Amino acid sequence: SLDAMVWQVDERFVDVDAFEAHQRRVASSE
């Protein structure tokens, strides 16, 4: 609400493997 050019990001994954899988998917995503 204070800066329209900034987004707050909050993520939670069930374990390291899930988080790492997410990072890999995002890296190759549009």
mmCIF file of all heavy atoms, coordinates in Angstrom:
data_MODEL
# 
_entry.id   MODEL 
# 
loop_
_atom_site.group_PDB 
_atom_site.id 
_atom_site.type_symbol 
_atom_site.label_atom_id 
_atom_site.label_alt_id 
_atom_site.label_comp_id 
_atom_site.label_asym_id 
_atom_site.label_entity_id 
_atom_site.label_seq_id 
_atom_site.pdbx_PDB_ins_code 
_atom_site.Cartn_x 
_atom_site.Cartn_y 
_atom_site.Cartn_z 
_atom_site.occupancy 
_atom_site.B_iso_or_equiv 
_atom_site.pdbx_formal_charge 
_atom_site.auth_seq_id 
_atom_site.auth_comp_id 
_atom_site.auth_asym_id 
_atom_site.auth_atom_id 
_atom_site.pdbx_PDB_model_num 
ATOM 1   N N   . SER A 1 1  ? 0.823  -1.219  0.000   1.00 0.00 ? 1  SER A N   1 
ATOM 2   C CA  . SER A 1 1  ? 0.000  0.000   0.000   1.00 0.00 ? 1  SER A CA  1 
ATOM 3   C C   . SER A 1 1  ? 0.855  1.267   0.000   1.00 0.00 ? 1  SER A C   1 
ATOM 4   O O   . SER A 1 1  ? 0.390  2.317   -0.427  1.00 0.00 ? 1  SER A O   1 
ATOM 5   C CB  . SER A 1 1  ? -0.942 0.007   1.201   1.00 0.00 ? 1  SER A CB  1 
ATOM 6   O OG  . SER A 1 1  ? -0.202 -0.048  2.401   1.00 0.00 ? 1  SER A OG  1 
ATOM 7   N N   . LEU A 1 2  ? 2.097  1.172   0.442   1.00 0.00 ? 2  LEU A N   1 
ATOM 8   C CA  . LEU A 1 2  ? 2.951  2.354   0.522   1.00 0.00 ? 2  LEU A CA  1 
ATOM 9   C C   . LEU A 1 2  ? 3.714  2.644   -0.763  1.00 0.00 ? 2  LEU A C   1 
ATOM 10  O O   . LEU A 1 2  ? 4.115  3.782   -1.005  1.00 0.00 ? 2  LEU A O   1 
ATOM 11  C CB  . LEU A 1 2  ? 3.945  2.213   1.680   1.00 0.00 ? 2  LEU A CB  1 
ATOM 12  C CG  . LEU A 1 2  ? 3.318  2.134   3.063   1.00 0.00 ? 2  LEU A CG  1 
ATOM 13  C CD1 . LEU A 1 2  ? 4.396  1.920   4.120   1.00 0.00 ? 2  LEU A CD1 1 
ATOM 14  C CD2 . LEU A 1 2  ? 2.509  3.382   3.368   1.00 0.00 ? 2  LEU A CD2 1 
ATOM 15  N N   . ASP A 1 3  ? 3.925  1.620   -1.590  1.00 0.00 ? 3  ASP A N   1 
ATOM 16  C CA  . ASP A 1 3  ? 4.685  1.816   -2.817  1.00 0.00 ? 3  ASP A CA  1 
ATOM 17  C C   . ASP A 1 3  ? 4.136  0.878   -3.891  1.00 0.00 ? 3  ASP A C   1 
ATOM 18  O O   . ASP A 1 3  ? 4.290  -0.336  -3.791  1.00 0.00 ? 3  ASP A O   1 
ATOM 19  C CB  . ASP A 1 3  ? 6.171  1.539   -2.574  1.00 0.00 ? 3  ASP A CB  1 
ATOM 20  C CG  . ASP A 1 3  ? 7.054  1.910   -3.752  1.00 0.00 ? 3  ASP A CG  1 
ATOM 21  O OD1 . ASP A 1 3  ? 6.549  1.973   -4.901  1.00 0.00 ? 3  ASP A OD1 1 
ATOM 22  O OD2 . ASP A 1 3  ? 8.254  2.122   -3.531  1.00 0.00 ? 3  ASP A OD2 1 
ATOM 23  N N   . ALA A 1 4  ? 3.517  1.450   -4.911  1.00 0.00 ? 4  ALA A N   1 
ATOM 24  C CA  . ALA A 1 4  ? 2.874  0.665   -5.971  1.00 0.00 ? 4  ALA A CA  1 
ATOM 25  C C   . ALA A 1 4  ? 3.871  -0.103  -6.832  1.00 0.00 ? 4  ALA A C   1 
ATOM 26  O O   . ALA A 1 4  ? 3.473  -0.906  -7.667  1.00 0.00 ? 4  ALA A O   1 
ATOM 27  C CB  . ALA A 1 4  ? 2.022  1.577   -6.847  1.00 0.00 ? 4  ALA A CB  1 
ATOM 28  N N   . MET A 1 5  ? 5.148  0.124   -6.629  1.00 0.00 ? 5  MET A N   1 
ATOM 29  C CA  . MET A 1 5  ? 6.161  -0.589  -7.404  1.00 0.00 ? 5  MET A CA  1 
ATOM 30  C C   . MET A 1 5  ? 6.789  -1.742  -6.619  1.00 0.00 ? 5  MET A C   1 
ATOM 31  O O   . MET A 1 5  ? 7.734  -2.381  -7.082  1.00 0.00 ? 5  MET A O   1 
ATOM 32  C CB  . MET A 1 5  ? 7.233  0.394   -7.891  1.00 0.00 ? 5  MET A CB  1 
ATOM 33  C CG  . MET A 1 5  ? 6.606  1.365   -8.881  1.00 0.00 ? 5  MET A CG  1 
ATOM 34  S SD  . MET A 1 5  ? 7.667  2.571   -9.662  1.00 0.00 ? 5  MET A SD  1 
ATOM 35  C CE  . MET A 1 5  ? 9.058  1.683   -10.207 1.00 0.00 ? 5  MET A CE  1 
ATOM 36  N N   . VAL A 1 6  ? 6.248  -2.023  -5.448  1.00 0.00 ? 6  VAL A N   1 
ATOM 37  C CA  . VAL A 1 6  ? 6.787  -3.073  -4.582  1.00 0.00 ? 6  VAL A CA  1 
ATOM 38  C C   . VAL A 1 6  ? 5.673  -4.057  -4.230  1.00 0.00 ? 6  VAL A C   1 
ATOM 39  O O   . VAL A 1 6  ? 4.567  -3.654  -3.859  1.00 0.00 ? 6  VAL A O   1 
ATOM 40  C CB  . VAL A 1 6  ? 7.386  -2.471  -3.286  1.00 0.00 ? 6  VAL A CB  1 
ATOM 41  C CG1 . VAL A 1 6  ? 7.884  -3.571  -2.356  1.00 0.00 ? 6  VAL A CG1 1 
ATOM 42  C CG2 . VAL A 1 6  ? 8.504  -1.489  -3.618  1.00 0.00 ? 6  VAL A CG2 1 
ATOM 43  N N   . TRP A 1 7  ? 5.993  -5.347  -4.341  1.00 0.00 ? 7  TRP A N   1 
ATOM 44  C CA  . TRP A 1 7  ? 5.076  -6.414  -3.947  1.00 0.00 ? 7  TRP A CA  1 
ATOM 45  C C   . TRP A 1 7  ? 5.679  -7.162  -2.765  1.00 0.00 ? 7  TRP A C   1 
ATOM 46  O O   . TRP A 1 7  ? 6.873  -7.473  -2.756  1.00 0.00 ? 7  TRP A O   1 
ATOM 47  C CB  . TRP A 1 7  ? 4.889  -7.405  -5.095  1.00 0.00 ? 7  TRP A CB  1 
ATOM 48  C CG  . TRP A 1 7  ? 3.880  -6.978  -6.108  1.00 0.00 ? 7  TRP A CG  1 
ATOM 49  C CD1 . TRP A 1 7  ? 2.584  -7.414  -6.205  1.00 0.00 ? 7  TRP A CD1 1 
ATOM 50  C CD2 . TRP A 1 7  ? 4.056  -6.044  -7.169  1.00 0.00 ? 7  TRP A CD2 1 
ATOM 51  N NE1 . TRP A 1 7  ? 1.968  -6.797  -7.263  1.00 0.00 ? 7  TRP A NE1 1 
ATOM 52  C CE2 . TRP A 1 7  ? 2.846  -5.954  -7.876  1.00 0.00 ? 7  TRP A CE2 1 
ATOM 53  C CE3 . TRP A 1 7  ? 5.133  -5.262  -7.602  1.00 0.00 ? 7  TRP A CE3 1 
ATOM 54  C CZ2 . TRP A 1 7  ? 2.667  -5.135  -8.975  1.00 0.00 ? 7  TRP A CZ2 1 
ATOM 55  C CZ3 . TRP A 1 7  ? 4.963  -4.437  -8.694  1.00 0.00 ? 7  TRP A CZ3 1 
ATOM 56  C CH2 . TRP A 1 7  ? 3.749  -4.371  -9.371  1.00 0.00 ? 7  TRP A CH2 1 
ATOM 57  N N   . GLN A 1 8  ? 4.840  -7.462  -1.780  1.00 0.00 ? 8  GLN A N   1 
ATOM 58  C CA  . GLN A 1 8  ? 5.248  -8.308  -0.660  1.00 0.00 ? 8  GLN A CA  1 
ATOM 59  C C   . GLN A 1 8  ? 5.050  -9.756  -1.073  1.00 0.00 ? 8  GLN A C   1 
ATOM 60  O O   . GLN A 1 8  ? 3.973  -10.135 -1.556  1.00 0.00 ? 8  GLN A O   1 
ATOM 61  C CB  . GLN A 1 8  ? 4.423  -7.998  0.595   1.00 0.00 ? 8  GLN A CB  1 
ATOM 62  C CG  . GLN A 1 8  ? 4.748  -8.877  1.786   1.00 0.00 ? 8  GLN A CG  1 
ATOM 63  C CD  . GLN A 1 8  ? 6.181  -8.723  2.278   1.00 0.00 ? 8  GLN A CD  1 
ATOM 64  O OE1 . GLN A 1 8  ? 6.733  -7.625  2.258   1.00 0.00 ? 8  GLN A OE1 1 
ATOM 65  N NE2 . GLN A 1 8  ? 6.778  -9.818  2.723   1.00 0.00 ? 8  GLN A NE2 1 
ATOM 66  N N   . VAL A 1 9  ? 6.086  -10.563 -0.883  1.00 0.00 ? 9  VAL A N   1 
ATOM 67  C CA  . VAL A 1 9  ? 6.064  -11.974 -1.269  1.00 0.00 ? 9  VAL A CA  1 
ATOM 68  C C   . VAL A 1 9  ? 6.214  -12.816 -0.005  1.00 0.00 ? 9  VAL A C   1 
ATOM 69  O O   . VAL A 1 9  ? 7.152  -12.613 0.771   1.00 0.00 ? 9  VAL A O   1 
ATOM 70  C CB  . VAL A 1 9  ? 7.214  -12.295 -2.255  1.00 0.00 ? 9  VAL A CB  1 
ATOM 71  C CG1 . VAL A 1 9  ? 7.191  -13.772 -2.642  1.00 0.00 ? 9  VAL A CG1 1 
ATOM 72  C CG2 . VAL A 1 9  ? 7.152  -11.385 -3.478  1.00 0.00 ? 9  VAL A CG2 1 
ATOM 73  N N   . ASP A 1 10 ? 5.287  -13.742 0.202   1.00 0.00 ? 10 ASP A N   1 
ATOM 74  C CA  . ASP A 1 10 ? 5.348  -14.664 1.338   1.00 0.00 ? 10 ASP A CA  1 
ATOM 75  C C   . ASP A 1 10 ? 5.008  -16.053 0.836   1.00 0.00 ? 10 ASP A C   1 
ATOM 76  O O   . ASP A 1 10 ? 3.902  -16.290 0.334   1.00 0.00 ? 10 ASP A O   1 
ATOM 77  C CB  . ASP A 1 10 ? 4.385  -14.231 2.443   1.00 0.00 ? 10 ASP A CB  1 
ATOM 78  C CG  . ASP A 1 10 ? 4.816  -12.918 3.062   1.00 0.00 ? 10 ASP A CG  1 
ATOM 79  O OD1 . ASP A 1 10 ? 5.875  -12.910 3.721   1.00 0.00 ? 10 ASP A OD1 1 
ATOM 80  O OD2 . ASP A 1 10 ? 4.119  -11.902 2.873   1.00 0.00 ? 10 ASP A OD2 1 
ATOM 81  N N   . GLU A 1 11 ? 5.964  -16.965 0.975   1.00 0.00 ? 11 GLU A N   1 
ATOM 82  C CA  . GLU A 1 11 ? 5.819  -18.333 0.491   1.00 0.00 ? 11 GLU A CA  1 
ATOM 83  C C   . GLU A 1 11 ? 6.119  -19.302 1.626   1.00 0.00 ? 11 GLU A C   1 
ATOM 84  O O   . GLU A 1 11 ? 6.988  -19.038 2.456   1.00 0.00 ? 11 GLU A O   1 
ATOM 85  C CB  . GLU A 1 11 ? 6.827  -18.640 -0.626  1.00 0.00 ? 11 GLU A CB  1 
ATOM 86  C CG  . GLU A 1 11 ? 6.870  -17.665 -1.750  1.00 0.00 ? 11 GLU A CG  1 
ATOM 87  C CD  . GLU A 1 11 ? 7.964  -17.991 -2.766  1.00 0.00 ? 11 GLU A CD  1 
ATOM 88  O OE1 . GLU A 1 11 ? 8.660  -19.039 -2.624  1.00 0.00 ? 11 GLU A OE1 1 
ATOM 89  O OE2 . GLU A 1 11 ? 8.130  -17.201 -3.694  1.00 0.00 ? 11 GLU A OE2 1 
ATOM 90  N N   . ARG A 1 12 ? 5.421  -20.442 1.603   1.00 0.00 ? 12 ARG A N   1 
ATOM 91  C CA  . ARG A 1 12 ? 5.755  -21.515 2.537   1.00 0.00 ? 12 ARG A CA  1 
ATOM 92  C C   . ARG A 1 12 ? 5.610  -22.840 1.810   1.00 0.00 ? 12 ARG A C   1 
ATOM 93  O O   . ARG A 1 12 ? 4.587  -23.111 1.189   1.00 0.00 ? 12 ARG A O   1 
ATOM 94  C CB  . ARG A 1 12 ? 4.848  -21.494 3.762   1.00 0.00 ? 12 ARG A CB  1 
ATOM 95  C CG  . ARG A 1 12 ? 5.266  -22.519 4.811   1.00 0.00 ? 12 ARG A CG  1 
ATOM 96  C CD  . ARG A 1 12 ? 4.627  -22.280 6.170   1.00 0.00 ? 12 ARG A CD  1 
ATOM 97  N NE  . ARG A 1 12 ? 3.198  -22.320 6.138   1.00 0.00 ? 12 ARG A NE  1 
ATOM 98  C CZ  . ARG A 1 12 ? 2.463  -23.418 6.347   1.00 0.00 ? 12 ARG A CZ  1 
ATOM 99  N NH1 . ARG A 1 12 ? 3.051  -24.573 6.607   1.00 0.00 ? 12 ARG A NH1 1 
ATOM 100 N NH2 . ARG A 1 12 ? 1.156  -23.361 6.305   1.00 0.00 ? 12 ARG A NH2 1 
ATOM 101 N N   . PHE A 1 13 ? 6.658  -23.640 1.890   1.00 0.00 ? 13 PHE A N   1 
ATOM 102 C CA  . PHE A 1 13 ? 6.674  -24.970 1.285   1.00 0.00 ? 13 PHE A CA  1 
ATOM 103 C C   . PHE A 1 13 ? 6.882  -25.996 2.388   1.00 0.00 ? 13 PHE A C   1 
ATOM 104 O O   . PHE A 1 13 ? 7.513  -25.708 3.402   1.00 0.00 ? 13 PHE A O   1 
ATOM 105 C CB  . PHE A 1 13 ? 7.768  -25.058 0.215   1.00 0.00 ? 13 PHE A CB  1 
ATOM 106 C CG  . PHE A 1 13 ? 7.436  -24.219 -0.988  1.00 0.00 ? 13 PHE A CG  1 
ATOM 107 C CD1 . PHE A 1 13 ? 7.767  -22.874 -1.018  1.00 0.00 ? 13 PHE A CD1 1 
ATOM 108 C CD2 . PHE A 1 13 ? 6.748  -24.757 -2.055  1.00 0.00 ? 13 PHE A CD2 1 
ATOM 109 C CE1 . PHE A 1 13 ? 7.421  -22.077 -2.101  1.00 0.00 ? 13 PHE A CE1 1 
ATOM 110 C CE2 . PHE A 1 13 ? 6.396  -23.971 -3.141  1.00 0.00 ? 13 PHE A CE2 1 
ATOM 111 C CZ  . PHE A 1 13 ? 6.739  -22.628 -3.167  1.00 0.00 ? 13 PHE A CZ  1 
ATOM 112 N N   . VAL A 1 14 ? 6.372  -27.192 2.175   1.00 0.00 ? 14 VAL A N   1 
ATOM 113 C CA  . VAL A 1 14 ? 6.355  -28.198 3.241   1.00 0.00 ? 14 VAL A CA  1 
ATOM 114 C C   . VAL A 1 14 ? 7.726  -28.738 3.601   1.00 0.00 ? 14 VAL A C   1 
ATOM 115 O O   . VAL A 1 14 ? 7.918  -29.241 4.709   1.00 0.00 ? 14 VAL A O   1 
ATOM 116 C CB  . VAL A 1 14 ? 5.393  -29.368 2.906   1.00 0.00 ? 14 VAL A CB  1 
ATOM 117 C CG1 . VAL A 1 14 ? 3.967  -28.871 2.776   1.00 0.00 ? 14 VAL A CG1 1 
ATOM 118 C CG2 . VAL A 1 14 ? 5.831  -30.099 1.651   1.00 0.00 ? 14 VAL A CG2 1 
ATOM 119 N N   . ASP A 1 15 ? 8.685  -28.632 2.672   1.00 0.00 ? 15 ASP A N   1 
ATOM 120 C CA  . ASP A 1 15 ? 10.042 -29.099 2.965   1.00 0.00 ? 15 ASP A CA  1 
ATOM 121 C C   . ASP A 1 15 ? 11.017 -28.542 1.927   1.00 0.00 ? 15 ASP A C   1 
ATOM 122 O O   . ASP A 1 15 ? 10.604 -27.874 0.968   1.00 0.00 ? 15 ASP A O   1 
ATOM 123 C CB  . ASP A 1 15 ? 10.117 -30.628 3.048   1.00 0.00 ? 15 ASP A CB  1 
ATOM 124 C CG  . ASP A 1 15 ? 9.653  -31.343 1.786   1.00 0.00 ? 15 ASP A CG  1 
ATOM 125 O OD1 . ASP A 1 15 ? 9.750  -30.764 0.670   1.00 0.00 ? 15 ASP A OD1 1 
ATOM 126 O OD2 . ASP A 1 15 ? 9.195  -32.492 1.905   1.00 0.00 ? 15 ASP A OD2 1 
ATOM 127 N N   . VAL A 1 16 ? 12.280 -28.824 2.131   1.00 0.00 ? 16 VAL A N   1 
ATOM 128 C CA  . VAL A 1 16 ? 13.326 -28.321 1.239   1.00 0.00 ? 16 VAL A CA  1 
ATOM 129 C C   . VAL A 1 16 ? 13.130 -28.849 -0.180  1.00 0.00 ? 16 VAL A C   1 
ATOM 130 O O   . VAL A 1 16 ? 13.303 -28.105 -1.155  1.00 0.00 ? 16 VAL A O   1 
ATOM 131 C CB  . VAL A 1 16 ? 14.729 -28.673 1.780   1.00 0.00 ? 16 VAL A CB  1 
ATOM 132 C CG1 . VAL A 1 16 ? 15.800 -28.365 0.757   1.00 0.00 ? 16 VAL A CG1 1 
ATOM 133 C CG2 . VAL A 1 16 ? 15.001 -27.926 3.071   1.00 0.00 ? 16 VAL A CG2 1 
ATOM 134 N N   . ASP A 1 17 ? 12.762 -30.121 -0.318  1.00 0.00 ? 17 ASP A N   1 
ATOM 135 C CA  . ASP A 1 17 ? 12.575 -30.684 -1.651  1.00 0.00 ? 17 ASP A CA  1 
ATOM 136 C C   . ASP A 1 17 ? 11.484 -29.944 -2.421  1.00 0.00 ? 17 ASP A C   1 
ATOM 137 O O   . ASP A 1 17 ? 11.652 -29.652 -3.612  1.00 0.00 ? 17 ASP A O   1 
ATOM 138 C CB  . ASP A 1 17 ? 12.232 -32.174 -1.578  1.00 0.00 ? 17 ASP A CB  1 
ATOM 139 C CG  . ASP A 1 17 ? 13.406 -33.028 -1.116  1.00 0.00 ? 17 ASP A CG  1 
ATOM 140 O OD1 . ASP A 1 17 ? 14.562 -32.563 -1.226  1.00 0.00 ? 17 ASP A OD1 1 
ATOM 141 O OD2 . ASP A 1 17 ? 13.157 -34.153 -0.651  1.00 0.00 ? 17 ASP A OD2 1 
ATOM 142 N N   . ALA A 1 18 ? 10.383 -29.634 -1.755  1.00 0.00 ? 18 ALA A N   1 
ATOM 143 C CA  . ALA A 1 18 ? 9.288  -28.905 -2.405  1.00 0.00 ? 18 ALA A CA  1 
ATOM 144 C C   . ALA A 1 18 ? 9.734  -27.500 -2.791  1.00 0.00 ? 18 ALA A C   1 
ATOM 145 O O   . ALA A 1 18 ? 9.418  -27.013 -3.883  1.00 0.00 ? 18 ALA A O   1 
ATOM 146 C CB  . ALA A 1 18 ? 8.072  -28.852 -1.494  1.00 0.00 ? 18 ALA A CB  1 
ATOM 147 N N   . PHE A 1 19 ? 10.485 -26.844 -1.914  1.00 0.00 ? 19 PHE A N   1 
ATOM 148 C CA  . PHE A 1 19 ? 10.975 -25.496 -2.204  1.00 0.00 ? 19 PHE A CA  1 
ATOM 149 C C   . PHE A 1 19 ? 11.944 -25.517 -3.385  1.00 0.00 ? 19 PHE A C   1 
ATOM 150 O O   . PHE A 1 19 ? 11.845 -24.685 -4.297  1.00 0.00 ? 19 PHE A O   1 
ATOM 151 C CB  . PHE A 1 19 ? 11.659 -24.904 -0.969  1.00 0.00 ? 19 PHE A CB  1 
ATOM 152 C CG  . PHE A 1 19 ? 12.227 -23.537 -1.198  1.00 0.00 ? 19 PHE A CG  1 
ATOM 153 C CD1 . PHE A 1 19 ? 11.401 -22.434 -1.304  1.00 0.00 ? 19 PHE A CD1 1 
ATOM 154 C CD2 . PHE A 1 19 ? 13.597 -23.352 -1.310  1.00 0.00 ? 19 PHE A CD2 1 
ATOM 155 C CE1 . PHE A 1 19 ? 11.927 -21.167 -1.525  1.00 0.00 ? 19 PHE A CE1 1 
ATOM 156 C CE2 . PHE A 1 19 ? 14.132 -22.092 -1.531  1.00 0.00 ? 19 PHE A CE2 1 
ATOM 157 C CZ  . PHE A 1 19 ? 13.286 -20.990 -1.637  1.00 0.00 ? 19 PHE A CZ  1 
ATOM 158 N N   . GLU A 1 20 ? 12.846 -26.468 -3.399  1.00 0.00 ? 20 GLU A N   1 
ATOM 159 C CA  . GLU A 1 20 ? 13.808 -26.563 -4.500  1.00 0.00 ? 20 GLU A CA  1 
ATOM 160 C C   . GLU A 1 20 ? 13.117 -26.898 -5.818  1.00 0.00 ? 20 GLU A C   1 
ATOM 161 O O   . GLU A 1 20 ? 13.484 -26.374 -6.874  1.00 0.00 ? 20 GLU A O   1 
ATOM 162 C CB  . GLU A 1 20 ? 14.898 -27.567 -4.163  1.00 0.00 ? 20 GLU A CB  1 
ATOM 163 C CG  . GLU A 1 20 ? 15.820 -27.061 -3.071  1.00 0.00 ? 20 GLU A CG  1 
ATOM 164 C CD  . GLU A 1 20 ? 16.854 -28.074 -2.614  1.00 0.00 ? 20 GLU A CD  1 
ATOM 165 O OE1 . GLU A 1 20 ? 16.772 -29.264 -3.015  1.00 0.00 ? 20 GLU A OE1 1 
ATOM 166 O OE2 . GLU A 1 20 ? 17.748 -27.678 -1.844  1.00 0.00 ? 20 GLU A OE2 1 
ATOM 167 N N   . ALA A 1 21 ? 12.095 -27.746 -5.776  1.00 0.00 ? 21 ALA A N   1 
ATOM 168 C CA  . ALA A 1 21 ? 11.326 -28.058 -6.989  1.00 0.00 ? 21 ALA A CA  1 
ATOM 169 C C   . ALA A 1 21 ? 10.640 -26.799 -7.505  1.00 0.00 ? 21 ALA A C   1 
ATOM 170 O O   . ALA A 1 21 ? 10.597 -26.545 -8.719  1.00 0.00 ? 21 ALA A O   1 
ATOM 171 C CB  . ALA A 1 21 ? 10.311 -29.154 -6.706  1.00 0.00 ? 21 ALA A CB  1 
ATOM 172 N N   . HIS A 1 22 ? 10.108 -26.011 -6.588  1.00 0.00 ? 22 HIS A N   1 
ATOM 173 C CA  . HIS A 1 22 ? 9.484  -24.736 -6.974  1.00 0.00 ? 22 HIS A CA  1 
ATOM 174 C C   . HIS A 1 22 ? 10.510 -23.818 -7.636  1.00 0.00 ? 22 HIS A C   1 
ATOM 175 O O   . HIS A 1 22 ? 10.231 -23.231 -8.687  1.00 0.00 ? 22 HIS A O   1 
ATOM 176 C CB  . HIS A 1 22 ? 8.877  -24.056 -5.744  1.00 0.00 ? 22 HIS A CB  1 
ATOM 177 C CG  . HIS A 1 22 ? 8.498  -22.639 -5.982  1.00 0.00 ? 22 HIS A CG  1 
ATOM 178 N ND1 . HIS A 1 22 ? 7.437  -22.276 -6.792  1.00 0.00 ? 22 HIS A ND1 1 
ATOM 179 C CD2 . HIS A 1 22 ? 9.042  -21.486 -5.540  1.00 0.00 ? 22 HIS A CD2 1 
ATOM 180 C CE1 . HIS A 1 22 ? 7.356  -20.954 -6.827  1.00 0.00 ? 22 HIS A CE1 1 
ATOM 181 N NE2 . HIS A 1 22 ? 8.319  -20.455 -6.073  1.00 0.00 ? 22 HIS A NE2 1 
ATOM 182 N N   . GLN A 1 23 ? 11.675 -23.701 -7.049  1.00 0.00 ? 23 GLN A N   1 
ATOM 183 C CA  . GLN A 1 23 ? 12.707 -22.834 -7.612  1.00 0.00 ? 23 GLN A CA  1 
ATOM 184 C C   . GLN A 1 23 ? 13.095 -23.283 -9.019  1.00 0.00 ? 23 GLN A C   1 
ATOM 185 O O   . GLN A 1 23 ? 13.276 -22.451 -9.916  1.00 0.00 ? 23 GLN A O   1 
ATOM 186 C CB  . GLN A 1 23 ? 13.935 -22.795 -6.691  1.00 0.00 ? 23 GLN A CB  1 
ATOM 187 C CG  . GLN A 1 23 ? 13.681 -22.141 -5.343  1.00 0.00 ? 23 GLN A CG  1 
ATOM 188 C CD  . GLN A 1 23 ? 13.272 -20.692 -5.487  1.00 0.00 ? 23 GLN A CD  1 
ATOM 189 O OE1 . GLN A 1 23 ? 13.934 -19.905 -6.140  1.00 0.00 ? 23 GLN A OE1 1 
ATOM 190 N NE2 . GLN A 1 23 ? 12.147 -20.336 -4.884  1.00 0.00 ? 23 GLN A NE2 1 
ATOM 191 N N   . ARG A 1 24 ? 13.206 -24.582 -9.231  1.00 0.00 ? 24 ARG A N   1 
ATOM 192 C CA  . ARG A 1 24 ? 13.535 -25.097 -10.567 1.00 0.00 ? 24 ARG A CA  1 
ATOM 193 C C   . ARG A 1 24 ? 12.417 -24.788 -11.561 1.00 0.00 ? 24 ARG A C   1 
ATOM 194 O O   . ARG A 1 24 ? 12.684 -24.375 -12.698 1.00 0.00 ? 24 ARG A O   1 
ATOM 195 C CB  . ARG A 1 24 ? 13.800 -26.611 -10.518 1.00 0.00 ? 24 ARG A CB  1 
ATOM 196 C CG  . ARG A 1 24 ? 15.139 -26.971 -9.899  1.00 0.00 ? 24 ARG A CG  1 
ATOM 197 C CD  . ARG A 1 24 ? 15.458 -28.449 -10.090 1.00 0.00 ? 24 ARG A CD  1 
ATOM 198 N NE  . ARG A 1 24 ? 14.458 -29.336 -9.510  1.00 0.00 ? 24 ARG A NE  1 
ATOM 199 C CZ  . ARG A 1 24 ? 14.444 -29.730 -8.242  1.00 0.00 ? 24 ARG A CZ  1 
ATOM 200 N NH1 . ARG A 1 24 ? 15.371 -29.312 -7.393  1.00 0.00 ? 24 ARG A NH1 1 
ATOM 201 N NH2 . ARG A 1 24 ? 13.506 -30.555 -7.803  1.00 0.00 ? 24 ARG A NH2 1 
ATOM 202 N N   . ARG A 1 25 ? 11.163 -24.995 -11.146 1.00 0.00 ? 25 ARG A N   1 
ATOM 203 C CA  . ARG A 1 25 ? 10.052 -24.720 -12.043 1.00 0.00 ? 25 ARG A CA  1 
ATOM 204 C C   . ARG A 1 25 ? 10.016 -23.249 -12.419 1.00 0.00 ? 25 ARG A C   1 
ATOM 205 O O   . ARG A 1 25 ? 9.871  -22.884 -13.579 1.00 0.00 ? 25 ARG A O   1 
ATOM 206 C CB  . ARG A 1 25 ? 8.706  -25.119 -11.421 1.00 0.00 ? 25 ARG A CB  1 
ATOM 207 C CG  . ARG A 1 25 ? 7.544  -24.918 -12.419 1.00 0.00 ? 25 ARG A CG  1 
ATOM 208 C CD  . ARG A 1 25 ? 6.189  -24.929 -11.765 1.00 0.00 ? 25 ARG A CD  1 
ATOM 209 N NE  . ARG A 1 25 ? 5.966  -23.865 -10.826 1.00 0.00 ? 25 ARG A NE  1 
ATOM 210 C CZ  . ARG A 1 25 ? 5.669  -22.598 -11.167 1.00 0.00 ? 25 ARG A CZ  1 
ATOM 211 N NH1 . ARG A 1 25 ? 5.618  -22.220 -12.424 1.00 0.00 ? 25 ARG A NH1 1 
ATOM 212 N NH2 . ARG A 1 25 ? 5.460  -21.699 -10.224 1.00 0.00 ? 25 ARG A NH2 1 
ATOM 213 N N   . VAL A 1 26 ? 10.173 -22.389 -11.427 1.00 0.00 ? 26 VAL A N   1 
ATOM 214 C CA  . VAL A 1 26 ? 10.119 -20.947 -11.688 1.00 0.00 ? 26 VAL A CA  1 
ATOM 215 C C   . VAL A 1 26 ? 11.249 -20.522 -12.625 1.00 0.00 ? 26 VAL A C   1 
ATOM 216 O O   . VAL A 1 26 ? 11.030 -19.726 -13.540 1.00 0.00 ? 26 VAL A O   1 
ATOM 217 C CB  . VAL A 1 26 ? 10.158 -20.149 -10.368 1.00 0.00 ? 26 VAL A CB  1 
ATOM 218 C CG1 . VAL A 1 26 ? 10.365 -18.668 -10.632 1.00 0.00 ? 26 VAL A CG1 1 
ATOM 219 C CG2 . VAL A 1 26 ? 8.869  -20.372 -9.591  1.00 0.00 ? 26 VAL A CG2 1 
ATOM 220 N N   . ALA A 1 27 ? 12.437 -21.049 -12.431 1.00 0.00 ? 27 ALA A N   1 
ATOM 221 C CA  . ALA A 1 27 ? 13.578 -20.659 -13.257 1.00 0.00 ? 27 ALA A CA  1 
ATOM 222 C C   . ALA A 1 27 ? 13.335 -20.944 -14.737 1.00 0.00 ? 27 ALA A C   1 
ATOM 223 O O   . ALA A 1 27 ? 13.824 -20.208 -15.601 1.00 0.00 ? 27 ALA A O   1 
ATOM 224 C CB  . ALA A 1 27 ? 14.836 -21.377 -12.782 1.00 0.00 ? 27 ALA A CB  1 
ATOM 225 N N   . SER A 1 28 ? 12.566 -21.971 -15.043 1.00 0.00 ? 28 SER A N   1 
ATOM 226 C CA  . SER A 1 28 ? 12.315 -22.320 -16.439 1.00 0.00 ? 28 SER A CA  1 
ATOM 227 C C   . SER A 1 28 ? 10.945 -21.852 -16.931 1.00 0.00 ? 28 SER A C   1 
ATOM 228 O O   . SER A 1 28 ? 10.564 -22.138 -18.057 1.00 0.00 ? 28 SER A O   1 
ATOM 229 C CB  . SER A 1 28 ? 12.444 -23.834 -16.627 1.00 0.00 ? 28 SER A CB  1 
ATOM 230 O OG  . SER A 1 28 ? 11.435 -24.500 -15.890 1.00 0.00 ? 28 SER A OG  1 
ATOM 231 N N   . SER A 1 29 ? 10.226 -21.107 -16.105 1.00 0.00 ? 29 SER A N   1 
ATOM 232 C CA  . SER A 1 29 ? 8.881  -20.665 -16.461 1.00 0.00 ? 29 SER A CA  1 
ATOM 233 C C   . SER A 1 29 ? 8.899  -19.328 -17.191 1.00 0.00 ? 29 SER A C   1 
ATOM 234 O O   . SER A 1 29 ? 9.891  -18.597 -17.185 1.00 0.00 ? 29 SER A O   1 
ATOM 235 C CB  . SER A 1 29 ? 8.027  -20.523 -15.195 1.00 0.00 ? 29 SER A CB  1 
ATOM 236 O OG  . SER A 1 29 ? 8.438  -19.382 -14.454 1.00 0.00 ? 29 SER A OG  1 
ATOM 237 N N   . GLU A 1 30 ? 7.778  -19.000 -17.800 1.00 0.00 ? 30 GLU A N   1 
ATOM 238 C CA  . GLU A 1 30 ? 7.633  -17.699 -18.454 1.00 0.00 ? 30 GLU A CA  1 
ATOM 239 C C   . GLU A 1 30 ? 7.828  -16.575 -17.436 1.00 0.00 ? 30 GLU A C   1 
ATOM 240 O O   . GLU A 1 30 ? 8.542  -15.606 -17.695 1.00 0.00 ? 30 GLU A O   1 
ATOM 241 C CB  . GLU A 1 30 ? 6.254  -17.604 -19.113 1.00 0.00 ? 30 GLU A CB  1 
ATOM 242 C CG  . GLU A 1 30 ? 6.074  -16.386 -19.972 1.00 0.00 ? 30 GLU A CG  1 
ATOM 243 C CD  . GLU A 1 30 ? 4.789  -16.443 -20.770 1.00 0.00 ? 30 GLU A CD  1 
ATOM 244 O OE1 . GLU A 1 30 ? 3.762  -16.943 -20.256 1.00 0.00 ? 30 GLU A OE1 1 
ATOM 245 O OE2 . GLU A 1 30 ? 4.811  -15.963 -21.914 1.00 0.00 ? 30 GLU A OE2 1 
# 
